[in-house]
Amino acid sequence: MAEAANRRLTRGITFVALIGAGYYWMAGGEYTRAGLDRLQREIESRRAENAARADELASTRAWADSLVSNPWAIERVARERYGFVRPDEILVRFVELGDGSDPPASSPQANVPR
């Protein structure tokens, strides 16, 4: 009979220890399960950001290489950004007015007859 009580006591202590270990694993300790899940999501988010930035970097490097080696790319930048034209061309720029009102009197468009 003492042996049976001893087994029950051992099983009870083991059960309580397992419950305590499970609780410690879920909610206690230095790294909780919720904390580990949050860190895992953060890692995945950072990996996605790194992949997007790697794609952007590859695109930028390809553009830089084309600017170094391709004269058409250089001409495109000169035309689009700086308004360069060839001697036999005429540059026409369209200006959008934000509110639909007339242009200010100091602008060259104000002197154009309508």
Protein backbone atom coordinates (compact mmCIF):
# COMPACT_ATOMS: atom_id res chain seq x y z
CA MET A 1 0.00 0.00 0.00
CA ALA A 2 2.83 2.39 0.76
CA GLU A 3 4.29 1.53 -2.61
CA ALA A 4 1.05 2.50 -4.41
CA ALA A 5 0.88 5.80 -2.52
CA ASN A 6 4.50 6.43 -3.41
CA ARG A 7 3.72 5.85 -7.13
CA ARG A 8 0.74 8.21 -6.98
CA LEU A 9 2.86 10.84 -5.32
CA THR A 10 5.58 10.39 -7.96
CA ARG A 11 3.03 10.63 -10.77
CA GLY A 12 1.43 13.70 -9.19
CA ILE A 13 4.79 15.44 -8.82
CA THR A 14 5.69 14.53 -12.42
CA PHE A 15 2.33 15.84 -13.66
CA VAL A 16 2.73 19.12 -11.77
CA ALA A 17 6.33 19.43 -13.03
CA LEU A 18 5.18 18.90 -16.64
CA ILE A 19 2.39 21.46 -16.23
CA GLY A 20 4.91 23.90 -14.75
CA ALA A 21 7.39 23.25 -17.56
CA GLY A 22 4.64 23.78 -20.17
CA TYR A 23 3.59 27.02 -18.54
CA TYR A 24 7.21 28.17 -18.34
CA TRP A 25 7.64 27.32 -22.03
CA MET A 26 4.51 29.25 -23.04
CA ALA A 27 4.60 32.28 -20.75
CA GLY A 28 7.77 32.40 -18.74
CA GLY A 29 11.49 32.49 -19.15
CA GLU A 30 13.68 34.79 -21.14
CA TYR A 31 12.03 33.95 -24.49
CA THR A 32 8.31 33.25 -24.33
CA ARG A 33 6.53 31.40 -27.09
CA ALA A 34 4.66 34.57 -28.05
CA GLY A 35 7.96 36.46 -28.09
CA LEU A 36 9.54 33.84 -30.31
CA ASP A 37 6.58 34.00 -32.70
CA ARG A 38 6.88 37.79 -32.83
CA LEU A 39 10.61 37.54 -33.54
CA GLN A 40 9.95 34.99 -36.29
CA ARG A 41 7.44 37.35 -37.96
CA GLU A 42 9.94 40.18 -37.69
CA ILE A 43 12.64 38.04 -39.30
CA GLU A 44 10.33 37.19 -42.20
CA SER A 45 9.42 40.86 -42.61
CA ARG A 46 13.09 41.88 -42.68
CA ARG A 47 13.87 39.16 -45.23
CA ALA A 48 11.10 40.47 -47.48
CA GLU A 49 12.47 44.02 -47.12
CA ASN A 50 15.96 42.78 -47.96
CA ALA A 51 14.68 40.99 -51.05
CA ALA A 52 12.87 44.13 -52.23
CA ARG A 53 15.95 46.24 -51.64
CA ALA A 54 18.13 43.70 -53.46
CA ASP A 55 15.82 43.98 -56.47
CA GLU A 56 15.97 47.77 -56.28
CA LEU A 57 19.77 47.65 -56.02
CA ALA A 58 20.02 45.36 -59.05
CA SER A 59 17.82 47.73 -61.03
CA THR A 60 19.90 50.74 -59.98
CA ARG A 61 23.13 48.95 -60.89
CA ALA A 62 21.73 48.04 -64.30
CA TRP A 63 20.72 51.68 -64.86
CA ALA A 64 24.18 52.88 -63.79
CA ASP A 65 25.84 50.36 -66.13
CA SER A 66 23.67 51.54 -69.01
CA LEU A 67 24.60 55.16 -68.28
CA VAL A 68 28.27 54.22 -68.46
CA SER A 69 28.08 52.11 -71.59
CA ASN A 70 25.01 53.21 -73.57
CA PRO A 71 25.00 56.65 -75.24
CA TRP A 72 21.23 56.42 -75.82
CA ALA A 73 20.65 56.23 -72.07
CA ILE A 74 22.76 59.34 -71.53
CA GLU A 75 20.80 61.18 -74.22
CA ARG A 76 17.53 60.11 -72.65
CA VAL A 77 18.56 61.53 -69.26
CA ALA A 78 19.75 64.75 -70.87
CA ARG A 79 16.45 65.16 -72.72
CA GLU A 80 14.10 64.18 -69.89
CA ARG A 81 15.77 65.84 -66.93
CA TYR A 82 17.53 68.82 -68.42
CA GLY A 83 15.43 69.60 -71.48
CA PHE A 84 18.29 69.25 -73.93
CA VAL A 85 17.35 69.33 -77.61
CA ARG A 86 19.23 68.84 -80.84
CA PRO A 87 19.91 71.93 -82.98
CA ASP A 88 17.08 71.14 -85.42
CA GLU A 89 14.45 70.42 -82.72
CA ILE A 90 11.97 72.62 -80.87
CA LEU A 91 11.28 72.03 -77.20
CA VAL A 92 7.65 72.22 -76.07
CA ARG A 93 6.84 72.00 -72.38
CA PHE A 94 3.38 71.64 -70.92
CA VAL A 95 2.76 73.16 -67.51
CA GLU A 96 -0.11 71.90 -65.40
CA LEU A 97 -1.96 74.45 -63.33
CA GLY A 98 -3.10 72.99 -60.04
CA ASP A 99 -6.40 74.81 -59.45
CA GLY A 100 -7.49 75.62 -63.00
CA SER A 101 -6.92 79.36 -62.60
CA ASP A 102 -5.09 81.65 -65.01
CA PRO A 103 -1.29 81.66 -64.85
CA PRO A 104 0.40 84.46 -62.90
CA ALA A 105 1.14 87.64 -64.86
CA SER A 106 4.90 87.07 -64.62
CA SER A 107 4.80 83.72 -66.38
CA PRO A 108 5.46 83.51 -70.14
CA GLN A 109 2.08 81.81 -70.63
CA ALA A 110 0.24 84.92 -69.42
CA ASN A 111 1.40 86.83 -72.51
CA VAL A 112 0.11 84.24 -74.97
CA PRO A 113 -3.18 85.33 -76.60
CA ARG A 114 -6.10 82.97 -76.20
